[in-house]
Protein backbone atom coordinates (compact mmCIF):
# COMPACT_ATOMS: atom_id res chain seq x y z
CA MET A 1 -0.42 -0.13 -0.15
CA LYS A 2 1.29 3.00 -1.60
CA HIS A 3 0.60 6.59 -0.36
CA PHE A 4 1.81 10.41 -0.85
CA PHE A 5 0.86 13.41 0.41
CA ARG A 6 0.72 16.98 -0.01
CA LYS A 7 -0.12 20.11 1.64
CA ASP A 8 -2.85 20.40 -0.55
CA GLY A 9 -4.08 16.85 -1.48
CA LEU A 10 -4.04 13.61 0.16
CA LEU A 11 -3.92 10.20 -2.30
CA LYS A 12 -4.21 6.92 -1.16
CA ILE A 13 -3.81 3.37 -4.25
CA LEU A 14 -4.50 0.47 -2.32
CA LEU A 15 -2.65 -1.86 -3.62
CA LEU A 16 -4.23 -5.42 -1.69
CA THR A 17 -0.95 -7.43 -3.38
CA VAL A 18 1.96 -4.94 -1.59
CA GLY A 19 2.80 -5.24 2.32
CA VAL A 20 5.43 -1.83 1.48
CA TRP A 21 3.79 1.86 2.50
CA ALA A 22 5.46 4.91 1.57
CA ILE A 23 4.68 8.10 2.18
CA CYS A 24 5.99 11.27 0.97
CA LEU A 25 6.40 15.02 2.44
CA THR A 26 7.29 16.89 0.06
CA ALA A 27 5.73 20.24 -2.71
CA GLY A 28 7.12 18.07 -5.27
CA CYS A 29 3.67 15.44 -4.62
CA SER A 30 0.69 15.48 -6.43
CA SER A 31 -1.44 19.26 -5.70
CA GLN A 32 -4.71 18.83 -5.86
CA PHE A 33 -5.24 15.99 -2.18
CA ALA A 34 -4.49 17.75 1.51
CA MET A 35 -1.91 16.92 3.34
CA PRO A 36 -3.68 16.29 6.88
CA TYR A 37 -0.71 18.03 8.50
CA ASP A 38 3.42 19.50 8.53
CA PHE A 39 6.70 17.50 8.08
CA ASN A 40 7.74 20.80 7.31
CA ASN A 41 8.18 19.14 3.77
CA LEU A 42 10.37 16.71 4.63
CA CYS A 43 10.03 13.89 2.04
CA TYR A 44 10.00 10.36 3.77
CA GLU A 45 10.13 6.02 2.70
CA TYR A 46 8.47 4.26 5.24
CA SER A 47 7.23 0.17 5.65
CA MET A 48 5.20 0.03 7.63
CA VAL A 49 5.62 -3.45 10.26
CA SER A 50 3.89 -5.29 12.27
CA ASP A 51 5.26 -7.76 15.16
CA SER A 52 4.32 -8.54 19.05
CA ASP A 53 3.05 -5.08 20.29
CA GLY A 54 1.70 -3.41 17.35
CA GLN A 55 2.53 -1.52 14.35
CA TYR A 56 5.19 0.20 12.87
CA VAL A 57 7.49 2.61 11.13
CA VAL A 58 10.67 1.59 9.49
CA ILE A 59 11.38 5.08 7.26
CA THR A 60 13.55 3.39 4.84
CA LYS A 61 15.51 5.99 2.95
CA HIS A 62 14.93 10.52 2.88
CA THR A 63 14.09 11.87 -1.27
CA VAL A 64 14.64 15.05 -0.48
CA SER A 65 17.84 17.78 0.72
CA GLN A 66 17.38 19.18 3.52
CA SER A 67 20.08 20.90 6.26
CA ASP A 68 17.90 19.52 9.12
CA VAL A 69 15.84 16.96 9.31
CA THR A 70 13.34 15.65 12.31
CA ILE A 71 11.86 12.11 12.43
CA PRO A 72 8.14 12.40 13.04
CA ASN A 73 6.29 10.39 16.31
CA GLU A 74 3.51 9.29 14.07
CA ILE A 75 2.69 8.93 10.56
CA TYR A 76 -0.90 8.70 10.73
CA GLY A 77 -1.71 7.43 14.70
CA VAL A 78 1.57 4.76 14.02
CA PRO A 79 4.83 5.05 15.58
CA VAL A 80 8.10 6.04 14.32
CA LYS A 81 9.86 2.81 16.02
CA ALA A 82 13.11 2.48 13.17
CA ILE A 83 15.94 4.03 10.80
CA GLY A 84 16.10 1.78 8.39
CA GLU A 85 19.89 1.15 6.79
CA SER A 86 21.37 3.73 4.47
CA ALA A 87 17.87 6.55 4.80
CA PHE A 88 20.34 9.02 5.45
CA ALA A 89 23.03 7.90 3.79
CA GLN A 90 25.65 10.09 2.19
CA GLU A 91 23.75 13.28 2.64
CA THR A 92 26.24 15.22 2.27
CA ALA A 93 23.72 19.04 2.81
CA LEU A 94 22.85 16.50 6.01
CA GLN A 95 23.15 19.45 9.19
CA SER A 96 21.07 18.40 12.64
CA VAL A 97 19.19 15.55 12.55
CA THR A 98 16.05 15.85 15.73
CA PHE A 99 14.48 12.37 16.93
CA GLY A 100 11.03 11.72 17.88
CA GLN A 101 10.59 10.34 20.81
CA ASN A 102 9.24 7.14 19.59
CA VAL A 103 12.29 5.98 17.59
CA LYS A 104 13.87 2.44 19.39
CA ALA A 105 16.28 1.55 16.51
CA ILE A 106 18.87 3.09 13.81
CA GLY A 107 19.86 1.42 11.61
CA ALA A 108 23.52 0.35 9.89
CA ASN A 109 24.64 3.02 7.72
CA ALA A 110 22.04 4.97 8.30
CA PHE A 111 23.67 8.48 8.50
CA GLY A 112 27.12 7.51 7.99
CA GLY A 113 28.68 9.39 5.47
CA CYS A 114 26.81 13.00 6.48
CA THR A 115 30.14 14.82 6.06
CA ALA A 116 28.35 18.10 7.37
CA LEU A 117 26.51 16.42 10.21
CA ALA A 118 27.00 18.06 13.09
CA ALA A 119 23.70 18.07 15.50
CA VAL A 120 22.31 14.83 16.74
CA ASN A 121 19.93 14.59 19.01
CA PHE A 122 17.85 11.97 20.81
CA SER A 123 14.32 11.97 22.41
CA VAL A 124 14.44 10.58 26.43
CA SER A 125 10.77 8.91 26.10
CA ALA A 126 11.10 6.21 24.83
CA SER A 127 13.06 3.02 25.64
CA ASP A 128 15.52 0.38 24.77
CA LEU A 129 17.22 2.96 21.98
CA GLN A 130 19.31 0.39 19.57
CA ILE A 131 22.05 2.07 17.55
CA GLY A 132 23.70 0.38 15.15
CA GLU A 133 27.12 -0.62 12.62
CA TYR A 134 27.91 2.36 12.27
CA ALA A 135 25.69 4.44 11.83
CA PHE A 136 27.29 7.74 11.87
CA THR A 137 30.69 6.79 10.94
CA GLY A 138 32.34 9.52 8.86
CA CYS A 139 29.94 12.24 10.37
CA THR A 140 33.67 14.11 9.91
CA ALA A 141 31.17 17.41 11.21
CA LEU A 142 30.22 16.24 14.54
CA THR A 143 31.55 17.48 17.83
CA THR A 144 30.10 15.98 20.85
CA VAL A 145 27.27 13.58 21.12
CA ASP A 146 25.14 13.27 24.00
CA ILE A 147 23.31 8.90 24.41
CA PRO A 148 20.91 9.16 26.71
CA ASP A 149 20.17 7.14 29.62
CA ASN A 150 18.08 5.47 28.13
CA VAL A 151 20.47 3.83 24.56
CA THR A 152 21.43 0.07 25.82
CA SER A 153 23.28 -0.77 22.68
CA VAL A 154 25.98 0.80 20.59
CA GLY A 155 26.85 -1.00 16.87
CA ARG A 156 30.18 -1.35 16.36
CA GLY A 157 31.92 0.95 14.39
CA ALA A 158 28.74 3.45 15.11
CA PHE A 159 30.65 6.80 15.71
CA TYR A 160 33.81 5.01 13.17
CA GLY A 161 36.10 8.30 11.60
CA CYS A 162 34.28 11.62 13.34
CA GLN A 163 37.48 13.31 13.28
CA SER A 164 36.08 15.71 14.83
CA LEU A 165 33.72 14.35 17.32
CA LYS A 166 36.21 15.47 21.39
CA GLU A 167 33.10 15.53 23.76
CA VAL A 168 30.75 12.00 24.53
CA THR A 169 28.77 11.32 27.07
CA LEU A 170 27.19 8.19 27.19
CA SER A 171 25.27 6.40 30.06
CA GLU A 172 26.37 4.96 32.79
CA ASN A 173 23.95 1.29 32.10
CA LEU A 174 24.80 1.39 28.33
CA SER A 175 26.27 -2.41 28.33
CA ASP A 176 26.70 -3.11 24.73
CA ILE A 177 29.03 -1.28 22.98
CA GLY A 178 30.35 -3.00 19.32
CA GLY A 179 34.29 -3.65 17.67
CA ARG A 180 35.74 0.33 17.30
CA ALA A 181 32.35 2.67 18.30
CA PHE A 182 33.83 5.49 18.64
CA ALA A 183 38.11 4.78 16.86
CA ASP A 184 39.32 7.38 15.03
CA THR A 185 37.47 9.47 17.23
CA PRO A 186 39.16 12.77 19.08
CA TRP A 187 37.71 11.56 21.84
CA LEU A 188 38.55 8.19 22.05
CA LYS A 189 42.73 9.16 21.64
CA LYS A 190 42.01 11.62 24.73
CA PHE A 191 41.47 8.86 26.89
CA SER A 192 44.04 6.92 25.09
CA ARG A 193 47.35 9.39 25.54
CA THR A 194 46.22 9.09 29.44
CA ASP A 195 44.33 5.89 30.99
CA THR A 196 46.28 2.50 29.72
CA PHE A 197 42.47 0.53 30.07
CA VAL A 198 39.52 3.89 28.75
CA THR A 199 36.13 2.08 30.49
CA VAL A 200 33.16 3.45 30.05
CA GLY A 201 28.96 2.66 30.72
CA ASP A 202 28.91 -0.22 33.06
CA GLY A 203 32.53 -1.72 32.94
CA VAL A 204 32.34 -1.35 29.32
CA LEU A 205 36.61 -1.44 28.28
CA ILE A 206 36.91 -0.32 24.68
CA ALA A 207 40.34 0.85 24.77
CA TYR A 208 43.70 -0.71 25.33
CA SER A 209 46.91 1.50 25.27
CA GLY A 210 49.72 -1.05 26.54
CA GLN A 211 52.67 -1.86 25.50
CA GLN A 212 53.14 -5.21 27.15
CA ALA A 213 53.17 -8.35 26.12
CA ASP A 214 51.73 -9.61 30.03
CA VAL A 215 47.60 -8.14 30.69
CA LYS A 216 46.24 -8.86 33.08
CA VAL A 217 42.45 -6.88 33.20
CA PRO A 218 41.38 -4.54 35.68
CA GLY A 219 39.03 -6.20 37.92
CA SER A 220 36.21 -3.44 37.01
CA VAL A 221 35.98 -5.13 34.07
CA LYS A 222 32.13 -6.85 32.81
CA HIS A 223 32.65 -6.56 29.00
CA ILE A 224 35.30 -6.10 25.95
CA SER A 225 35.14 -4.11 23.77
CA GLY A 226 37.22 -4.55 20.61
CA ALA A 227 39.93 -2.73 23.38
CA PHE A 228 42.09 -5.33 21.51
CA ALA A 229 41.54 -5.13 18.04
CA GLY A 230 44.74 -4.70 15.70
CA ASN A 231 47.72 -5.13 19.19
CA THR A 232 49.81 -7.22 17.14
CA LYS A 233 51.66 -6.90 20.97
CA ILE A 234 49.65 -8.63 23.60
CA LYS A 235 50.46 -11.98 23.73
CA ASN A 236 49.29 -13.39 27.30
CA VAL A 237 45.59 -11.82 28.38
CA LYS A 238 43.96 -12.66 31.70
CA LEU A 239 40.35 -11.61 32.14
CA PRO A 240 39.20 -10.91 35.25
CA LYS A 241 35.69 -13.26 36.42
CA SER A 242 33.63 -10.00 36.45
CA VAL A 243 33.74 -9.54 32.80
CA LYS A 244 30.24 -11.14 30.67
CA SER A 245 31.25 -10.43 27.71
CA ILE A 246 33.50 -10.52 25.14
CA GLY A 247 32.49 -8.50 22.30
CA ASP A 248 32.53 -8.21 18.72
CA MET A 249 35.79 -7.96 16.77
CA ALA A 250 37.50 -8.03 20.98
CA PHE A 251 40.77 -9.86 19.92
CA LYS A 252 39.96 -9.34 16.49
CA GLY A 253 43.29 -9.60 14.43
CA CYS A 254 46.21 -10.19 17.55
CA GLU A 255 48.48 -12.09 15.78
CA SER A 256 50.86 -12.60 18.19
CA LEU A 257 47.58 -13.81 21.02
CA GLU A 258 48.80 -17.25 22.61
CA THR A 259 46.52 -18.05 25.57
CA VAL A 260 43.18 -15.66 26.85
CA THR A 261 42.32 -16.69 30.65
CA ILE A 262 38.14 -17.13 29.92
CA PRO A 263 36.39 -16.28 33.44
CA ASP A 264 33.96 -19.13 34.75
CA ASN A 265 31.12 -16.75 34.77
CA LEU A 266 31.38 -15.63 30.95
CA GLU A 267 28.52 -16.08 29.43
CA SER A 268 28.83 -14.51 25.55
CA VAL A 269 31.69 -13.82 22.58
CA GLY A 270 30.50 -11.39 19.80
CA LYS A 271 31.79 -11.58 15.85
CA ASP A 272 35.00 -11.90 14.41
CA ALA A 273 35.52 -11.99 18.32
CA PHE A 274 39.26 -13.83 18.23
CA TYR A 275 39.44 -13.64 14.20
CA GLY A 276 42.66 -14.08 12.47
CA CYS A 277 43.90 -14.83 16.46
CA THR A 278 46.70 -17.37 13.98
CA LYS A 279 48.17 -18.19 17.76
CA LEU A 280 46.08 -18.44 20.02
CA LYS A 281 47.06 -21.60 21.75
CA TRP A 282 43.51 -22.58 23.39
CA VAL A 283 40.71 -21.40 25.32
CA ILE A 284 38.74 -22.99 27.69
CA PHE A 285 34.33 -22.28 28.20
CA LYS A 286 32.50 -23.08 30.72
CA ASP A 287 28.33 -23.71 30.40
CA LYS A 288 26.97 -20.40 31.08
CA VAL A 289 27.98 -19.53 27.52
CA THR A 290 25.10 -19.53 25.86
CA SER A 291 26.29 -17.39 22.77
CA ILE A 292 28.73 -17.20 20.46
CA GLY A 293 28.86 -14.74 16.79
CA ASP A 294 29.68 -15.54 13.76
CA ASP A 295 33.62 -15.80 12.56
CA ALA A 296 34.26 -16.29 16.31
CA PHE A 297 37.18 -18.09 15.64
CA ALA A 298 38.03 -17.87 12.00
CA TYR A 299 41.50 -17.95 10.65
CA CYS A 300 42.09 -18.91 13.91
CA GLY A 301 44.82 -22.10 15.18
CA ALA A 302 43.41 -22.34 18.96
CA ALA A 303 42.06 -25.80 20.64
CA ILE A 304 39.23 -24.73 21.89
CA TYR A 305 37.99 -26.67 24.70
CA VAL A 306 34.12 -27.70 26.19
CA ASN A 307 32.15 -29.45 28.30
CA GLU A 308 29.60 -32.00 26.50
CA GLY A 309 26.14 -30.21 25.46
CA SER A 310 26.82 -27.02 25.52
CA ALA A 311 26.07 -24.56 23.54
CA VAL A 312 29.21 -24.10 22.71
CA GLU A 313 29.62 -27.36 21.33
CA ALA A 314 26.69 -27.02 19.12
CA TYR A 315 28.12 -23.57 17.71
CA CYS A 316 31.94 -25.79 17.24
CA GLN A 317 29.87 -28.94 14.52
CA LYS A 318 27.38 -25.92 13.71
CA ASN A 319 30.53 -24.50 12.36
CA ASP A 320 33.01 -27.00 11.64
CA ILE A 321 34.87 -26.22 14.47
CA ALA A 322 37.13 -29.02 15.61
CA TYR A 323 36.93 -29.55 19.71
CA CYS A 324 38.06 -30.58 22.71
CA ILE A 325 35.47 -32.38 25.48
CA MET A 326 36.98 -31.29 28.84
């Protein structure tokens, strides 16, 4: 079902065989139909999606270049809950975006390459807001980001390459930050110059700047983000009992890494976590590990020790990875 709206006209075309909706809010649409309310002449395409909580809107494309964009709370009474993948990508005229109070997910690369984007304004009304992978990557004009308390997840590379980003405010409740989420930003570089371990949110280790081959991670750390990715100096890493997750790209490309002491309370291992760790000798997993991401051990020579019947054993069997029963 497709809809086209304009301030002086409304046209509804019912296509019974199509489950996708689109909306155009601009003076460029048909002139004989009235739009019932003003969306600042913004032009969107969107999909109408249903789940267990009901119907909601996903904005899939922005079709008219604007310097300032406000995401509406609703479209004809249906809440706008998501910004789709690459919906605003490469819009070089875009300078600011304000999210409606119902937005709960910002898709992968949603604003990637928006080089003039300087202001991102979040509402705090929606719960469990998630920022997707590479959502704001390459937004080189972005200087400050205030991520509200309702953000539960920041995807890998979300603000990668934001070369003017100097100030970031994060909630202490934030526990899921993807690998290299803030890589190549002045904000992260500032901490890396003074702190060997850069920990943010709820004990999330996002960077390690030490030069030692043997690393003992502090007991305050609960989650390992992409802190060690690409580090070719570390050989042995001891994780504390407090660590519950090893996130995406945590040790990716650590070519000299030989051992990692896995704590008993570890629950999950992210995508590409040990990708390319060719010298890794062994990894011992306990039964609390219930989730392992794609390519977690790709191009990795480690002997993996598991308990029979565990989720890790099932993962190894599914992905044709050699393992040993403890």
